[in-house]
Protein backbone atom coordinates (compact mmCIF):
# COMPACT_ATOMS: atom_id res chain seq x y z
CA MET A 1 134.99 185.09 21.87
CA GLU A 2 138.64 184.10 21.82
CA THR A 3 139.45 180.42 21.33
CA ILE A 4 142.00 179.04 23.78
CA THR A 5 143.71 175.71 23.20
CA THR A 6 145.18 174.02 26.27
CA THR A 7 147.08 170.76 26.58
CA ILE A 8 145.36 168.85 29.38
CA ALA A 9 147.47 165.70 29.11
CA ARG A 10 150.50 164.41 27.27
CA ILE A 11 150.59 160.67 26.79
CA GLY A 12 153.74 159.47 25.08
CA ASP A 13 154.24 161.96 22.27
CA VAL A 14 150.53 162.81 21.90
CA ASN A 15 149.01 165.96 23.37
CA ILE A 16 145.42 165.70 24.52
CA ILE A 17 144.04 169.18 24.12
CA MET A 18 141.00 171.14 25.19
CA ILE A 19 139.52 173.89 23.07
CA GLU A 20 137.69 176.56 25.01
CA ASN A 21 135.45 178.89 23.08
CA GLY A 22 132.50 179.28 25.41
CA GLU A 23 132.52 175.59 26.22
CA GLN A 24 135.21 172.99 26.76
CA LEU A 25 135.69 170.73 23.74
CA ILE A 26 138.01 167.78 23.26
CA PRO A 27 139.17 166.83 19.76
CA ILE A 28 138.90 163.08 19.31
CA LYS A 29 141.67 162.67 16.72
CA PRO A 30 144.65 162.85 19.14
CA ILE A 31 143.00 160.28 21.41
CA CYS A 32 142.26 158.02 18.45
CA GLU A 33 145.89 158.34 17.27
CA LEU A 34 147.08 157.44 20.76
CA LEU A 35 144.89 154.33 20.81
CA ARG A 36 145.61 153.55 17.14
CA ILE A 37 141.97 153.50 16.15
CA THR A 38 140.64 155.46 13.19
CA ASP A 39 139.15 158.81 14.03
CA VAL A 40 136.87 158.54 10.99
CA ALA A 41 135.26 155.37 12.36
CA GLN A 42 134.91 156.99 15.78
CA ARG A 43 133.39 160.10 14.25
CA ILE A 44 130.79 157.92 12.46
CA LYS A 45 130.13 156.00 15.68
CA ILE A 46 129.71 159.26 17.61
CA GLY A 47 127.42 160.63 14.89
CA ASN A 48 125.20 157.53 15.10
CA ASP A 49 124.93 157.72 18.89
CA ASP A 50 121.65 159.23 20.16
CA ILE A 51 123.44 161.40 22.72
CA LEU A 52 126.95 161.93 21.40
CA GLY A 53 125.64 162.57 17.90
CA SER A 54 123.77 165.63 19.14
CA VAL A 55 126.83 167.16 20.84
CA GLY A 56 129.70 166.33 18.44
CA MET A 57 130.87 169.31 16.41
CA LEU A 58 133.64 170.78 14.32
CA SER A 59 135.81 173.41 15.94
CA ILE A 60 138.81 175.42 14.77
CA SER A 61 141.97 175.08 16.83
CA THR A 62 145.58 176.05 16.53
CA GLY A 63 147.86 173.06 16.21
CA SER A 64 151.31 172.71 17.73
CA ASP A 65 152.70 173.90 14.38
CA GLY A 66 150.82 177.21 14.74
CA LYS A 67 148.37 176.47 11.91
CA GLN A 68 144.58 176.52 12.18
CA TYR A 69 142.83 173.16 11.92
CA GLU A 70 139.22 172.10 11.89
CA MET A 71 138.79 169.28 14.39
CA PHE A 72 135.86 167.08 15.28
CA CYS A 73 135.23 167.51 19.00
CA ILE A 74 132.89 166.47 21.73
CA PRO A 75 132.24 168.43 24.93
CA TYR A 76 134.58 167.56 27.77
CA MET A 77 131.75 166.18 29.90
CA TYR A 78 131.03 163.50 27.26
CA VAL A 79 134.62 162.33 26.65
CA PHE A 80 134.58 159.81 29.48
CA GLY A 81 131.37 158.20 28.21
CA TRP A 82 132.72 158.06 24.66
CA LEU A 83 135.95 156.43 25.85
CA PHE A 84 133.82 153.81 27.60
CA THR A 85 132.38 152.79 24.22
CA ILE A 86 135.78 152.02 22.70
CA ASN A 87 136.28 148.30 22.15
CA SER A 88 139.53 147.19 23.78
CA LYS A 89 140.00 144.62 20.97
CA ASN A 90 140.38 147.45 18.45
CA VAL A 91 143.15 149.44 20.17
CA LYS A 92 146.90 148.97 19.93
CA SER A 93 148.21 146.20 22.15
CA GLU A 94 150.05 148.59 24.51
CA ALA A 95 146.80 150.49 25.19
CA LYS A 96 144.52 147.47 25.63
CA GLU A 97 145.31 147.03 29.34
CA TYR A 98 144.63 150.71 30.02
CA VAL A 99 141.33 150.67 28.12
CA ILE A 100 140.18 147.61 30.07
CA LYS A 101 141.29 149.16 33.36
CA TYR A 102 139.47 152.40 32.46
CA LYS A 103 136.29 150.53 31.59
CA MET A 104 136.46 148.62 34.89
CA GLU A 105 136.71 151.93 36.76
CA CYS A 106 133.68 153.17 34.82
CA TYR A 107 131.70 150.08 35.78
CA LYS A 108 132.63 150.63 39.43
CA ALA A 109 131.73 154.33 39.26
CA LEU A 110 128.36 153.53 37.69
CA PHE A 111 127.68 150.87 40.30
CA ARG A 112 128.53 153.26 43.15
CA TYR A 113 126.44 156.02 41.60
CA PHE A 114 123.35 153.89 41.26
CA THR A 115 123.71 151.92 44.51
CA ASP A 116 125.18 154.43 46.97
CA THR A 117 121.76 155.75 48.01
CA ALA A 118 120.55 152.24 48.83
CA GLU A 119 123.80 151.47 50.67
CA PHE A 120 123.52 154.72 52.63
CA LEU A 121 119.93 153.93 53.61
CA LYS A 122 120.89 150.38 54.60
CA GLN A 123 123.74 151.59 56.81
CA LYS A 124 121.62 154.39 58.27
CA GLN A 125 118.79 151.97 59.11
CA ALA A 126 121.25 149.58 60.81
CA ALA A 127 122.79 152.45 62.81
CA MET A 128 119.34 153.75 63.80
CA GLN A 129 118.26 150.27 64.94
CA LEU A 130 121.42 149.87 67.01
CA GLN A 131 120.89 153.29 68.59
CA MET A 132 117.18 152.56 69.27
CA ASP A 133 118.25 149.34 71.03
CA ARG A 134 120.70 151.34 73.15
CA VAL A 135 118.02 153.90 74.00
CA ASP A 136 115.64 151.10 75.00
CA GLN A 137 118.33 149.57 77.22
CA VAL A 138 119.10 152.90 78.87
CA ARG A 139 115.38 153.48 79.35
CA ALA A 140 115.04 150.07 81.08
CA ASP A 141 118.15 150.74 83.17
CA PHE A 142 116.74 154.15 84.10
CA LYS A 143 113.42 152.62 85.16
CA ASN A 144 115.25 150.06 87.33
CA THR A 145 117.50 152.76 88.76
CA ARG A 146 114.50 154.96 89.49
CA THR A 147 112.78 152.11 91.35
CA THR A 148 115.96 151.51 93.36
CA LEU A 149 116.30 155.25 94.00
CA ASP A 150 112.71 155.48 95.22
CA LYS A 151 113.32 152.56 97.61
CA GLU A 152 116.50 154.16 98.95
CA LYS A 153 114.76 157.54 99.38
CA HIS A 154 112.01 155.80 101.31
CA ALA A 155 114.62 154.17 103.59
CA LEU A 156 116.26 157.59 104.07
CA ASP A 157 112.93 159.13 105.00
CA LYS A 158 112.42 156.36 107.54
CA ILE A 159 115.83 157.10 109.10
CA LYS A 160 115.02 160.81 109.18
CA SER A 161 111.79 160.09 111.00
CA VAL A 162 113.44 158.00 113.76
CA THR A 163 113.01 159.70 117.09
CA TYR A 164 115.30 159.71 120.07
CA GLU A 165 112.86 157.51 121.92
CA GLU A 166 112.88 154.92 119.12
CA TRP A 167 116.67 154.98 119.15
CA THR A 168 116.86 154.35 122.87
CA ALA A 169 114.18 151.67 122.60
CA ASN A 170 116.38 149.96 119.99
CA ASN A 171 119.31 149.64 122.42
CA ARG A 172 120.86 152.90 121.23
CA GLN A 173 121.38 151.69 117.67
CA LEU A 174 120.22 153.06 114.36
CA THR A 175 120.24 149.64 112.75
CA PHE A 176 116.76 149.10 111.42
CA ASN A 177 115.45 146.81 108.75
CA PHE A 178 113.36 149.04 106.50
CA GLU A 179 111.73 146.59 104.15
CA VAL A 180 109.87 148.51 101.49
CA THR A 181 106.62 146.81 100.68
CA SER A 182 104.90 146.81 97.35
CA ASN A 183 102.00 148.75 98.89
CA ILE A 184 104.33 151.57 99.83
CA ASP A 185 105.87 151.56 96.33
CA ALA A 186 102.44 151.64 94.75
CA ASN A 187 101.35 154.53 96.96
CA GLU A 188 104.50 156.51 96.22
CA GLU A 189 104.14 156.10 92.46
CA GLU A 190 100.63 157.55 92.49
């Protein structure tokens, strides 16, 4: 398989490269040079790490001068974790602020990753409770409206049943007081 070297970032005069030869690898030396920490010390630290030690490897890459170099690399997916382990007190003064800022972003990302599910469930539960309260209110309003509707239908039925004789007996007026009693309501609900 052909090895492809790609510059993925240029910080100052340092190229951060990726070596692709079936997997994406990042040489640590350019990053160490950028931060002014020794790549040898970082290589030892990586080698002693339970996780990074099992994925660190040597890979051949073509340098900017066209020559082949053997470089100690770690897979791209592990670079961000490795960078998190770098002590900001050991880097050059110009990089210290960026290392601290990076680590703070990592802390935030880890917090979000491990707490987002709980936050989602908390928000979902609150939204469900609010919606259940609304449903209960609508249900109560519907029950009250249905009772009122039944009373009004009963009054309408009474008007429909008025005869001509009843109208004339009421001084030719359709003004009646149709009080709906609880007995009528009870009978209608059955």
